């Protein structure tokens, strides 16, 4: 299926996650794949673009990420809130969550990580930055963004555009207990006039 997504310049990749959206972390290795929801991700470097995401070291996703040396971060829109919550509440050790929840995924362009576009606003494909002294101690994983793309109806020219006509693609933000919010009421800053 042809993609409607457009590449995002890597120097703008950090803008895809700097507003704290819930993400779908995807991984694949040895013929197995998984998807999980994560509420904690953020940019940590601009050049090269690097991100951090919390993936519990005891999870199936973490095992696949470490084995593969990479992962995908897909930003679900409001239309995927139920699926996002569901993949965050179950383990992929016993079943393929992509199949179980009807999630279509294509292989990422650089690392081949599963990429979800349908119902998502954007995605990033990341190479795991190995931290041998912390891998067994911490849940935080660091990745270098090697490819990124976004739906131009909601992210274009390095900027988000949240409007009434793209509500289904607006990112979701986890509040806990199965509750999410989406961005709304965008404010545009105007520099104050210097007083004299």
N, C-alpha and C. Protein backbone atom coordinates (compact mmCIF):
# COMPACT_ATOMS: atom_id res chain seq x y z
N UNK A 1 0.84 -1.18 0.00
CA UNK A 1 0.00 0.00 0.00
C UNK A 1 0.89 1.24 0.00
N UNK A 2 0.66 2.17 -0.93
CA UNK A 2 1.50 3.37 -0.98
C UNK A 2 1.29 4.25 0.26
N UNK A 3 2.36 4.89 0.68
CA UNK A 3 2.33 5.72 1.87
C UNK A 3 1.95 7.16 1.53
N UNK A 4 1.11 7.75 2.37
CA UNK A 4 0.80 9.18 2.25
C UNK A 4 1.73 10.01 3.11
N UNK A 5 2.59 9.34 3.87
CA UNK A 5 3.53 10.04 4.74
C UNK A 5 4.64 10.67 3.91
N UNK A 6 5.23 11.73 4.47
CA UNK A 6 6.34 12.41 3.82
C UNK A 6 7.54 12.35 4.75
N UNK A 7 8.75 12.19 4.19
CA UNK A 7 9.94 12.17 5.05
C UNK A 7 10.04 13.46 5.87
N UNK A 8 10.55 13.30 7.08
CA UNK A 8 10.81 14.44 7.96
C UNK A 8 12.32 14.59 8.02
N UNK A 9 12.80 15.79 7.76
CA UNK A 9 14.24 16.05 7.86
C UNK A 9 14.70 15.68 9.26
N UNK A 10 15.82 14.98 9.34
CA UNK A 10 16.27 14.50 10.65
C UNK A 10 16.51 15.62 11.65
N UNK A 11 16.86 16.82 11.17
CA UNK A 11 17.04 17.92 12.12
C UNK A 11 15.71 18.40 12.72
N UNK A 12 14.59 17.92 12.17
CA UNK A 12 13.27 18.22 12.74
C UNK A 12 12.67 17.01 13.47
N UNK A 13 13.36 15.87 13.48
CA UNK A 13 12.81 14.64 14.05
C UNK A 13 12.47 14.78 15.52
N UNK A 14 13.26 15.53 16.28
CA UNK A 14 12.98 15.67 17.72
C UNK A 14 11.64 16.37 17.97
N UNK A 15 11.19 17.18 17.02
CA UNK A 15 9.91 17.87 17.18
C UNK A 15 8.72 16.91 17.16
N UNK A 16 8.94 15.71 16.63
CA UNK A 16 7.85 14.74 16.59
C UNK A 16 7.48 14.26 17.99
N UNK A 17 8.43 14.25 18.92
CA UNK A 17 8.14 13.75 20.27
C UNK A 17 8.33 14.78 21.38
N UNK A 18 8.71 16.02 21.04
CA UNK A 18 9.02 16.97 22.10
C UNK A 18 7.79 17.45 22.88
N UNK A 19 6.59 17.14 22.41
CA UNK A 19 5.38 17.55 23.14
C UNK A 19 4.81 16.41 23.99
N UNK A 20 5.57 15.32 24.14
CA UNK A 20 5.22 14.27 25.08
C UNK A 20 4.09 13.34 24.70
N UNK A 21 3.95 12.96 23.42
CA UNK A 21 2.85 12.06 23.07
C UNK A 21 3.09 10.63 23.53
N UNK A 22 2.01 9.89 23.70
CA UNK A 22 2.11 8.45 23.90
C UNK A 22 2.58 7.87 22.57
N UNK A 23 3.48 6.90 22.63
CA UNK A 23 4.02 6.30 21.41
C UNK A 23 3.77 4.80 21.41
N UNK A 24 3.77 4.23 20.23
CA UNK A 24 3.79 2.78 20.07
C UNK A 24 5.23 2.41 19.78
N UNK A 25 5.82 1.60 20.65
CA UNK A 25 7.19 1.12 20.44
C UNK A 25 7.09 -0.20 19.70
N UNK A 26 7.73 -0.28 18.54
CA UNK A 26 7.69 -1.51 17.75
C UNK A 26 9.08 -2.12 17.72
N UNK A 27 9.10 -3.45 17.58
CA UNK A 27 10.37 -4.16 17.56
C UNK A 27 10.18 -5.46 16.81
N UNK A 28 11.28 -5.99 16.27
CA UNK A 28 11.24 -7.26 15.55
C UNK A 28 12.62 -7.88 15.54
N UNK A 29 12.66 -9.21 15.71
CA UNK A 29 13.93 -9.93 15.62
C UNK A 29 13.62 -11.43 15.51
N UNK A 30 14.38 -12.10 14.68
CA UNK A 30 14.26 -13.55 14.56
C UNK A 30 12.88 -14.04 14.18
N UNK A 31 12.19 -13.29 13.33
CA UNK A 31 10.87 -13.69 12.90
C UNK A 31 9.74 -13.37 13.86
N UNK A 32 10.04 -12.74 14.98
CA UNK A 32 9.01 -12.33 15.96
C UNK A 32 8.96 -10.81 15.99
N UNK A 33 7.80 -10.29 16.31
CA UNK A 33 7.64 -8.83 16.38
C UNK A 33 6.72 -8.49 17.54
N UNK A 34 6.77 -7.21 17.95
CA UNK A 34 5.93 -6.78 19.05
C UNK A 34 5.65 -5.28 18.93
N UNK A 35 4.59 -4.89 19.61
CA UNK A 35 4.22 -3.48 19.71
C UNK A 35 3.71 -3.25 21.12
N UNK A 36 4.14 -2.16 21.73
CA UNK A 36 3.68 -1.79 23.08
C UNK A 36 3.48 -0.28 23.12
N UNK A 37 2.70 0.17 24.06
CA UNK A 37 2.49 1.60 24.26
C UNK A 37 3.46 2.10 25.32
N UNK A 38 3.97 3.31 25.13
CA UNK A 38 4.85 3.94 26.11
C UNK A 38 4.46 5.40 26.27
N UNK A 39 4.33 5.83 27.50
CA UNK A 39 3.96 7.22 27.76
C UNK A 39 5.17 8.11 27.98
N UNK A 40 6.35 7.51 28.19
CA UNK A 40 7.53 8.29 28.50
C UNK A 40 8.54 8.20 27.37
N UNK A 41 8.59 9.23 26.55
CA UNK A 41 9.62 9.35 25.52
C UNK A 41 9.93 10.83 25.35
N UNK A 42 11.16 11.12 24.90
CA UNK A 42 11.53 12.53 24.74
C UNK A 42 12.79 12.65 23.91
N UNK A 43 12.98 13.80 23.25
CA UNK A 43 14.24 14.04 22.55
C UNK A 43 15.34 14.33 23.57
N UNK A 44 16.57 13.90 23.25
CA UNK A 44 17.69 14.18 24.15
C UNK A 44 18.87 14.85 23.44
N UNK A 45 18.91 14.80 22.12
CA UNK A 45 19.99 15.44 21.34
C UNK A 45 19.40 15.92 20.01
N UNK A 46 19.97 16.99 19.47
CA UNK A 46 19.52 17.51 18.18
C UNK A 46 20.28 16.89 17.01
N UNK A 47 21.63 16.91 17.10
CA UNK A 47 22.45 16.45 15.98
C UNK A 47 23.54 15.52 16.47
N UNK A 48 23.50 14.24 16.11
CA UNK A 48 22.39 13.59 15.41
C UNK A 48 21.18 13.49 16.33
N UNK A 49 19.99 13.38 15.75
CA UNK A 49 18.80 13.32 16.58
C UNK A 49 18.76 12.04 17.41
N UNK A 50 18.57 12.20 18.70
CA UNK A 50 18.51 11.05 19.61
C UNK A 50 17.31 11.22 20.52
N UNK A 51 16.72 10.08 20.88
CA UNK A 51 15.56 10.09 21.75
C UNK A 51 15.77 9.10 22.89
N UNK A 52 14.98 9.27 23.93
CA UNK A 52 14.95 8.31 25.04
C UNK A 52 13.52 7.82 25.17
N UNK A 53 13.38 6.54 25.49
CA UNK A 53 12.06 5.96 25.73
C UNK A 53 12.21 4.94 26.85
N UNK A 54 11.22 4.89 27.73
CA UNK A 54 11.25 3.95 28.84
C UNK A 54 10.59 2.65 28.40
N UNK A 55 11.38 1.57 28.42
CA UNK A 55 10.90 0.22 28.09
C UNK A 55 11.37 -0.70 29.21
N UNK A 56 10.47 -1.16 30.01
CA UNK A 56 10.82 -2.02 31.15
C UNK A 56 11.74 -3.14 30.71
N UNK A 57 12.83 -3.30 31.43
CA UNK A 57 13.85 -4.29 31.04
C UNK A 57 13.37 -5.73 31.12
N UNK A 58 12.21 -5.98 31.74
CA UNK A 58 11.68 -7.34 31.84
C UNK A 58 10.68 -7.67 30.73
N UNK A 59 10.42 -6.73 29.81
CA UNK A 59 9.39 -6.95 28.80
C UNK A 59 9.92 -7.64 27.55
N UNK A 60 8.99 -8.23 26.81
CA UNK A 60 9.29 -8.86 25.53
C UNK A 60 9.81 -7.81 24.54
N UNK A 61 9.24 -6.63 24.57
CA UNK A 61 9.70 -5.56 23.68
C UNK A 61 11.17 -5.27 23.92
N UNK A 62 11.56 -5.15 25.18
CA UNK A 62 12.95 -4.84 25.50
C UNK A 62 13.88 -5.93 24.98
N UNK A 63 13.50 -7.20 25.13
CA UNK A 63 14.31 -8.30 24.62
C UNK A 63 14.50 -8.17 23.11
N UNK A 64 13.42 -7.88 22.40
CA UNK A 64 13.51 -7.75 20.94
C UNK A 64 14.34 -6.54 20.53
N UNK A 65 14.16 -5.42 21.23
CA UNK A 65 14.92 -4.20 20.92
C UNK A 65 16.41 -4.45 21.09
N UNK A 66 16.80 -5.06 22.20
CA UNK A 66 18.22 -5.32 22.44
C UNK A 66 18.77 -6.31 21.41
N UNK A 67 18.02 -7.35 21.10
CA UNK A 67 18.47 -8.35 20.13
C UNK A 67 18.60 -7.76 18.73
N UNK A 68 17.64 -6.91 18.34
CA UNK A 68 17.64 -6.33 17.00
C UNK A 68 18.57 -5.13 16.88
N UNK A 69 18.80 -4.44 17.99
CA UNK A 69 19.61 -3.22 17.94
C UNK A 69 18.85 -2.02 17.41
N UNK A 70 17.52 -2.07 17.48
CA UNK A 70 16.73 -0.95 17.00
C UNK A 70 15.28 -1.08 17.39
N UNK A 71 14.51 -0.01 17.11
CA UNK A 71 13.09 0.02 17.41
C UNK A 71 12.42 1.11 16.59
N UNK A 72 11.11 1.02 16.52
CA UNK A 72 10.32 2.07 15.89
C UNK A 72 9.51 2.79 16.95
N UNK A 73 9.25 4.08 16.73
CA UNK A 73 8.32 4.84 17.56
C UNK A 73 7.26 5.38 16.63
N UNK A 74 6.03 4.97 16.83
CA UNK A 74 4.92 5.42 16.00
C UNK A 74 3.99 6.23 16.89
N UNK A 75 3.51 7.36 16.39
CA UNK A 75 2.68 8.27 17.17
C UNK A 75 1.22 8.09 16.80
N UNK A 76 0.46 7.32 17.60
CA UNK A 76 -0.93 7.08 17.27
C UNK A 76 -1.77 8.35 17.39
N UNK A 77 -2.75 8.46 16.49
CA UNK A 77 -3.72 9.54 16.56
C UNK A 77 -4.89 9.14 17.44
N UNK A 78 -5.82 10.04 17.64
CA UNK A 78 -6.96 9.79 18.52
C UNK A 78 -7.78 8.59 18.08
N UNK A 79 -7.79 8.29 16.79
CA UNK A 79 -8.53 7.15 16.29
C UNK A 79 -7.98 5.81 16.75
N UNK A 80 -6.76 5.79 17.28
CA UNK A 80 -6.13 4.56 17.75
C UNK A 80 -6.07 4.48 19.28
N UNK A 81 -6.84 5.28 19.98
CA UNK A 81 -6.75 5.30 21.44
C UNK A 81 -7.08 3.94 22.05
N UNK A 82 -8.09 3.25 21.53
CA UNK A 82 -8.45 1.94 22.08
C UNK A 82 -7.36 0.91 21.83
N UNK A 83 -6.82 0.90 20.62
CA UNK A 83 -5.75 -0.04 20.28
C UNK A 83 -4.50 0.27 21.10
N UNK A 84 -4.18 1.54 21.25
CA UNK A 84 -3.01 1.94 22.04
C UNK A 84 -3.14 1.44 23.47
N UNK A 85 -4.29 1.63 24.06
CA UNK A 85 -4.49 1.16 25.43
C UNK A 85 -4.39 -0.36 25.48
N UNK A 86 -4.97 -1.04 24.51
CA UNK A 86 -4.97 -2.51 24.50
C UNK A 86 -3.55 -3.08 24.39
N UNK A 87 -2.72 -2.53 23.50
CA UNK A 87 -1.37 -3.08 23.36
C UNK A 87 -0.50 -2.75 24.56
N UNK A 88 -0.89 -1.74 25.32
CA UNK A 88 -0.18 -1.41 26.55
C UNK A 88 -0.57 -2.28 27.72
N UNK A 89 -1.67 -3.03 27.57
CA UNK A 89 -2.18 -3.85 28.67
C UNK A 89 -1.92 -5.34 28.49
N UNK A 90 -1.28 -5.74 27.39
CA UNK A 90 -1.06 -7.17 27.16
C UNK A 90 0.38 -7.43 26.74
N UNK A 91 0.81 -8.66 26.89
CA UNK A 91 2.17 -9.05 26.52
C UNK A 91 2.18 -9.69 25.14
N UNK A 92 3.25 -9.47 24.42
CA UNK A 92 3.41 -10.08 23.10
C UNK A 92 4.17 -11.39 23.13
N UNK A 93 4.55 -11.85 24.29
CA UNK A 93 5.26 -13.13 24.38
C UNK A 93 4.40 -14.28 23.88
N UNK A 94 3.11 -14.24 24.20
CA UNK A 94 2.21 -15.34 23.87
C UNK A 94 1.56 -15.22 22.51
N UNK A 95 1.36 -14.02 22.01
CA UNK A 95 0.69 -13.83 20.72
C UNK A 95 1.22 -12.58 20.02
N UNK A 96 1.05 -12.55 18.71
CA UNK A 96 1.46 -11.40 17.90
C UNK A 96 0.39 -10.32 18.05
N UNK A 97 0.73 -9.24 18.74
CA UNK A 97 -0.25 -8.18 18.98
C UNK A 97 -0.66 -7.45 17.70
N UNK A 98 0.22 -7.44 16.70
CA UNK A 98 -0.17 -6.83 15.42
C UNK A 98 -1.38 -7.58 14.85
N UNK A 99 -1.29 -8.90 14.81
CA UNK A 99 -2.39 -9.72 14.30
C UNK A 99 -3.60 -9.67 15.22
N UNK A 100 -3.36 -9.80 16.52
CA UNK A 100 -4.45 -9.84 17.49
C UNK A 100 -5.31 -8.58 17.46
N UNK A 101 -4.69 -7.43 17.25
CA UNK A 101 -5.43 -6.16 17.28
C UNK A 101 -5.61 -5.53 15.89
N UNK A 102 -5.29 -6.28 14.84
CA UNK A 102 -5.50 -5.79 13.48
C UNK A 102 -4.66 -4.59 13.11
N UNK A 103 -3.41 -4.57 13.53
CA UNK A 103 -2.51 -3.44 13.26
C UNK A 103 -1.66 -3.77 12.04
N UNK A 104 -1.79 -2.97 10.99
CA UNK A 104 -0.97 -3.16 9.79
C UNK A 104 0.37 -2.45 9.99
N UNK A 105 1.44 -3.12 9.58
CA UNK A 105 2.78 -2.52 9.71
C UNK A 105 3.61 -2.86 8.49
N UNK A 106 4.44 -1.91 8.11
CA UNK A 106 5.40 -2.11 7.02
C UNK A 106 6.79 -2.08 7.63
N UNK A 107 7.77 -2.57 6.89
CA UNK A 107 9.15 -2.55 7.36
C UNK A 107 9.73 -1.14 7.19
N UNK A 108 10.40 -0.67 8.23
CA UNK A 108 11.05 0.64 8.17
C UNK A 108 12.13 0.66 7.11
N UNK A 109 12.44 1.84 6.57
CA UNK A 109 13.35 1.95 5.43
C UNK A 109 14.82 1.70 5.73
N UNK A 110 15.25 1.82 6.97
CA UNK A 110 16.67 1.67 7.29
C UNK A 110 16.94 0.39 8.07
N UNK A 111 16.20 0.15 9.13
CA UNK A 111 16.45 -0.99 10.01
C UNK A 111 15.43 -2.12 9.85
N UNK A 112 14.36 -1.86 9.13
CA UNK A 112 13.33 -2.87 8.94
C UNK A 112 12.42 -3.05 10.14
N UNK A 113 12.42 -2.10 11.08
CA UNK A 113 11.53 -2.20 12.24
C UNK A 113 10.08 -2.02 11.77
N UNK A 114 9.11 -2.65 12.44
CA UNK A 114 7.71 -2.46 12.04
C UNK A 114 7.29 -1.00 12.19
N UNK A 115 6.70 -0.46 11.15
CA UNK A 115 6.25 0.92 11.14
C UNK A 115 4.74 0.93 10.92
N UNK A 116 4.03 1.64 11.79
CA UNK A 116 2.58 1.76 11.69
C UNK A 116 2.25 3.15 11.17
N UNK A 117 1.56 3.21 10.04
CA UNK A 117 1.14 4.50 9.50
C UNK A 117 -0.37 4.71 9.64
N UNK A 118 -1.15 3.67 9.39
CA UNK A 118 -2.61 3.82 9.43
C UNK A 118 -3.06 4.23 10.82
N UNK A 119 -3.66 5.41 10.90
CA UNK A 119 -4.12 5.92 12.19
C UNK A 119 -3.06 6.66 12.99
N UNK A 120 -1.85 6.72 12.46
CA UNK A 120 -0.75 7.42 13.16
C UNK A 120 -0.44 8.75 12.51
N UNK A 121 0.12 9.65 13.29
CA UNK A 121 0.51 10.96 12.80
C UNK A 121 1.92 10.97 12.24
N UNK A 122 2.79 10.13 12.81
CA UNK A 122 4.20 10.14 12.43
C UNK A 122 4.87 8.87 12.95
N UNK A 123 6.10 8.65 12.49
CA UNK A 123 6.92 7.55 13.02
C UNK A 123 8.39 7.92 12.95
N UNK A 124 9.17 7.27 13.81
CA UNK A 124 10.63 7.41 13.81
C UNK A 124 11.21 6.00 13.87
N UNK A 125 12.24 5.75 13.10
CA UNK A 125 12.96 4.48 13.18
C UNK A 125 14.29 4.79 13.85
N UNK A 126 14.62 4.02 14.89
CA UNK A 126 15.76 4.35 15.74
C UNK A 126 16.73 3.19 15.90
N UNK A 127 18.00 3.50 15.84
CA UNK A 127 19.05 2.53 16.13
C UNK A 127 19.36 2.63 17.63
N UNK A 128 19.30 1.50 18.31
CA UNK A 128 19.57 1.47 19.75
C UNK A 128 21.00 1.92 20.03
N UNK A 129 21.15 2.83 20.97
CA UNK A 129 22.47 3.24 21.44
C UNK A 129 22.77 2.36 22.65
N UNK A 130 23.69 1.48 22.48
CA UNK A 130 23.99 0.51 23.54
C UNK A 130 24.72 1.18 24.69
N UNK A 131 24.25 0.90 25.88
CA UNK A 131 24.83 1.43 27.12
C UNK A 131 25.09 0.23 28.03
N UNK A 132 26.18 -0.51 27.81
CA UNK A 132 26.42 -1.77 28.54
C UNK A 132 26.39 -1.61 30.05
N UNK A 133 26.86 -0.49 30.58
CA UNK A 133 26.89 -0.32 32.03
C UNK A 133 25.52 -0.01 32.63
N UNK A 134 24.51 0.30 31.78
CA UNK A 134 23.19 0.62 32.31
C UNK A 134 22.09 -0.31 31.81
N UNK A 135 22.36 -1.15 30.78
CA UNK A 135 21.29 -1.96 30.18
C UNK A 135 20.57 -2.84 31.18
N UNK A 136 21.28 -3.39 32.16
CA UNK A 136 20.64 -4.25 33.14
C UNK A 136 20.09 -3.49 34.33
N UNK A 137 20.43 -2.22 34.45
CA UNK A 137 20.05 -1.46 35.64
C UNK A 137 18.86 -0.52 35.43
N UNK A 138 18.68 -0.02 34.19
CA UNK A 138 17.67 1.00 33.96
C UNK A 138 16.69 0.59 32.86
N UNK A 139 15.49 1.16 32.93
CA UNK A 139 14.47 0.90 31.92
C UNK A 139 14.58 1.84 30.72
N UNK A 140 15.32 2.91 30.84
CA UNK A 140 15.43 3.89 29.76
C UNK A 140 16.34 3.37 28.65
N UNK A 141 15.85 3.48 27.43
CA UNK A 141 16.63 3.13 26.23
C UNK A 141 16.86 4.41 25.43
N UNK A 142 18.03 4.48 24.81
CA UNK A 142 18.36 5.63 23.97
C UNK A 142 18.48 5.15 22.53
N UNK A 143 18.00 5.96 21.61
CA UNK A 143 18.09 5.60 20.21
C UNK A 143 18.46 6.79 19.36
N UNK A 144 19.20 6.52 18.28
CA UNK A 144 19.50 7.55 17.29
C UNK A 144 18.49 7.41 16.16
N UNK A 145 17.82 8.49 15.84
CA UNK A 145 16.82 8.48 14.79
C UNK A 145 17.53 8.37 13.44
N UNK A 146 17.19 7.31 12.68
CA UNK A 146 17.82 7.10 11.37
C UNK A 146 16.85 7.37 10.22
N UNK A 147 15.56 7.45 10.53
CA UNK A 147 14.55 7.79 9.52
C UNK A 147 13.31 8.28 10.25
N UNK A 148 12.57 9.18 9.64
CA UNK A 148 11.34 9.69 10.23
C UNK A 148 10.41 10.16 9.12
N UNK A 149 9.11 10.05 9.38
CA UNK A 149 8.12 10.52 8.41
C UNK A 149 6.86 10.91 9.17
N UNK A 150 6.05 11.74 8.53
CA UNK A 150 4.82 12.21 9.16
C UNK A 150 3.74 12.42 8.11
N UNK A 151 2.50 12.38 8.57
CA UNK A 151 1.37 12.69 7.70
C UNK A 151 1.33 14.21 7.55
N UNK A 152 1.45 14.73 6.33
CA UNK A 152 1.52 16.18 6.16
C UNK A 152 0.23 16.92 6.54
N UNK A 153 -0.85 16.19 6.76
CA UNK A 153 -2.08 16.85 7.21
C UNK A 153 -1.96 17.35 8.65
N UNK A 154 -0.97 16.80 9.41
CA UNK A 154 -0.84 17.19 10.81
C UNK A 154 0.58 17.66 11.17
N UNK A 155 1.60 17.28 10.36
CA UNK A 155 2.97 17.73 10.59
C UNK A 155 3.63 17.98 9.24
N UNK A 156 4.05 19.23 9.00
CA UNK A 156 4.71 19.58 7.74
C UNK A 156 5.69 20.72 7.98
N UNK A 157 6.75 20.73 7.19
CA UNK A 157 7.76 21.79 7.27
C UNK A 157 8.31 21.97 8.69
N UNK A 158 8.41 20.85 9.43
CA UNK A 158 8.99 20.88 10.77
C UNK A 158 8.06 21.36 11.87
N UNK A 159 6.75 21.45 11.58
CA UNK A 159 5.81 21.98 12.59
C UNK A 159 4.51 21.18 12.63
N UNK A 160 3.99 21.04 13.86
CA UNK A 160 2.67 20.45 14.06
C UNK A 160 1.60 21.45 13.71
N UNK A 161 0.45 20.95 13.24
CA UNK A 161 -0.70 21.80 12.97
C UNK A 161 -1.94 21.04 13.45
N UNK A 162 -2.41 21.35 14.65
CA UNK A 162 -3.59 20.69 15.22
C UNK A 162 -4.81 21.57 14.95
N UNK A 163 -5.72 21.04 14.12
CA UNK A 163 -6.91 21.78 13.71
C UNK A 163 -8.15 20.89 13.85
N UNK A 164 -9.31 21.47 13.76
CA UNK A 164 -10.55 20.68 13.85
C UNK A 164 -10.63 19.63 12.75
N UNK A 165 -10.08 19.92 11.56
CA UNK A 165 -10.22 18.98 10.45
C UNK A 165 -9.20 17.83 10.47
N UNK A 166 -8.29 17.79 11.45
CA UNK A 166 -7.35 16.67 11.54
C UNK A 166 -7.36 16.02 12.93
N UNK A 167 -8.48 16.10 13.62
CA UNK A 167 -8.58 15.59 14.99
C UNK A 167 -8.25 14.11 15.09
N UNK A 168 -8.57 13.31 14.08
CA UNK A 168 -8.28 11.86 14.12
C UNK A 168 -6.79 11.57 14.12
N UNK A 169 -5.98 12.51 13.63
CA UNK A 169 -4.53 12.31 13.57
C UNK A 169 -3.78 12.99 14.71
N UNK A 170 -4.48 13.74 15.54
CA UNK A 170 -3.80 14.42 16.63
C UNK A 170 -3.29 13.41 17.64
N UNK A 171 -2.13 13.69 18.17
CA UNK A 171 -1.48 12.76 19.09
C UNK A 171 -2.27 12.64 20.40
N UNK A 172 -2.02 11.53 21.09
CA UNK A 172 -2.69 11.29 22.36
C UNK A 172 -1.66 11.29 23.49
N UNK A 173 -2.11 11.66 24.68
CA UNK A 173 -1.23 11.81 25.83
C UNK A 173 -1.88 11.10 27.01
N UNK A 174 -1.16 10.16 27.59
CA UNK A 174 -1.72 9.28 28.63
C UNK A 174 -1.77 9.97 29.98
N UNK A 175 -2.94 9.90 30.61
CA UNK A 175 -3.13 10.47 31.94
C UNK A 175 -3.14 9.41 33.03
N UNK A 176 -3.22 8.15 32.64
CA UNK A 176 -3.30 7.04 33.59
C UNK A 176 -4.71 6.47 33.61
N UNK A 177 -4.81 5.20 34.00
CA UNK A 177 -6.12 4.57 34.14
C UNK A 177 -6.93 4.51 32.87
N UNK A 178 -6.28 4.39 31.72
CA UNK A 178 -7.00 4.32 30.45
C UNK A 178 -7.53 5.65 29.95
N UNK A 179 -7.09 6.75 30.54
CA UNK A 179 -7.54 8.07 30.11
C UNK A 179 -6.43 8.76 29.31
N UNK A 180 -6.83 9.40 28.22
CA UNK A 180 -5.92 10.11 27.34
C UNK A 180 -6.51 11.47 27.02
N UNK A 181 -5.66 12.40 26.65
CA UNK A 181 -6.10 13.70 26.13
C UNK A 181 -5.39 13.93 24.80
N UNK A 182 -5.93 14.83 24.02
CA UNK A 182 -5.26 15.24 22.79
C UNK A 182 -4.97 16.73 22.90
N UNK A 183 -4.01 17.22 22.11
CA UNK A 183 -3.72 18.65 22.15
C UNK A 183 -4.94 19.47 21.72
N UNK A 184 -5.09 20.59 22.29
CA UNK A 184 -6.20 21.45 21.91
C UNK A 184 -5.93 22.87 22.36
N UNK A 185 -6.63 23.80 21.76
CA UNK A 185 -6.47 25.19 22.16
C UNK A 185 -5.06 25.70 21.96
N UNK A 186 -4.53 25.53 20.74
CA UNK A 186 -3.16 25.96 20.45
C UNK A 186 -3.03 27.46 20.67
N UNK A 187 -1.99 27.85 21.38
CA UNK A 187 -1.71 29.26 21.64
C UNK A 187 -0.52 29.70 20.81
N UNK A 188 -0.58 30.86 20.23
CA UNK A 188 0.53 31.41 19.44
C UNK A 188 1.17 32.55 20.23
N UNK A 189 2.44 32.39 20.56
CA UNK A 189 3.13 33.39 21.36
C UNK A 189 3.46 34.62 20.53
N UNK A 190 3.31 35.77 21.16
CA UNK A 190 3.67 37.05 20.55
C UNK A 190 4.66 37.70 21.50
N UNK A 191 5.85 38.07 21.00
CA UNK A 191 6.84 38.70 21.89
C UNK A 191 6.27 39.97 22.53
N UNK A 192 6.47 40.14 23.82
CA UNK A 192 5.97 41.37 24.49
C UNK A 192 6.78 42.58 24.04
N UNK A 193 6.15 43.71 24.07
CA UNK A 193 6.81 44.97 23.74
C UNK A 193 7.69 45.38 24.94
N UNK A 194 8.89 45.82 24.64
CA UNK A 194 9.78 46.29 25.70
C UNK A 194 9.23 47.58 26.28
N UNK A 195 9.13 47.61 27.61
CA UNK A 195 8.62 48.81 28.29
C UNK A 195 9.73 49.83 28.49
N UNK A 196 9.38 51.07 28.58
CA UNK A 196 10.40 52.09 28.71
C UNK A 196 10.32 52.91 29.87
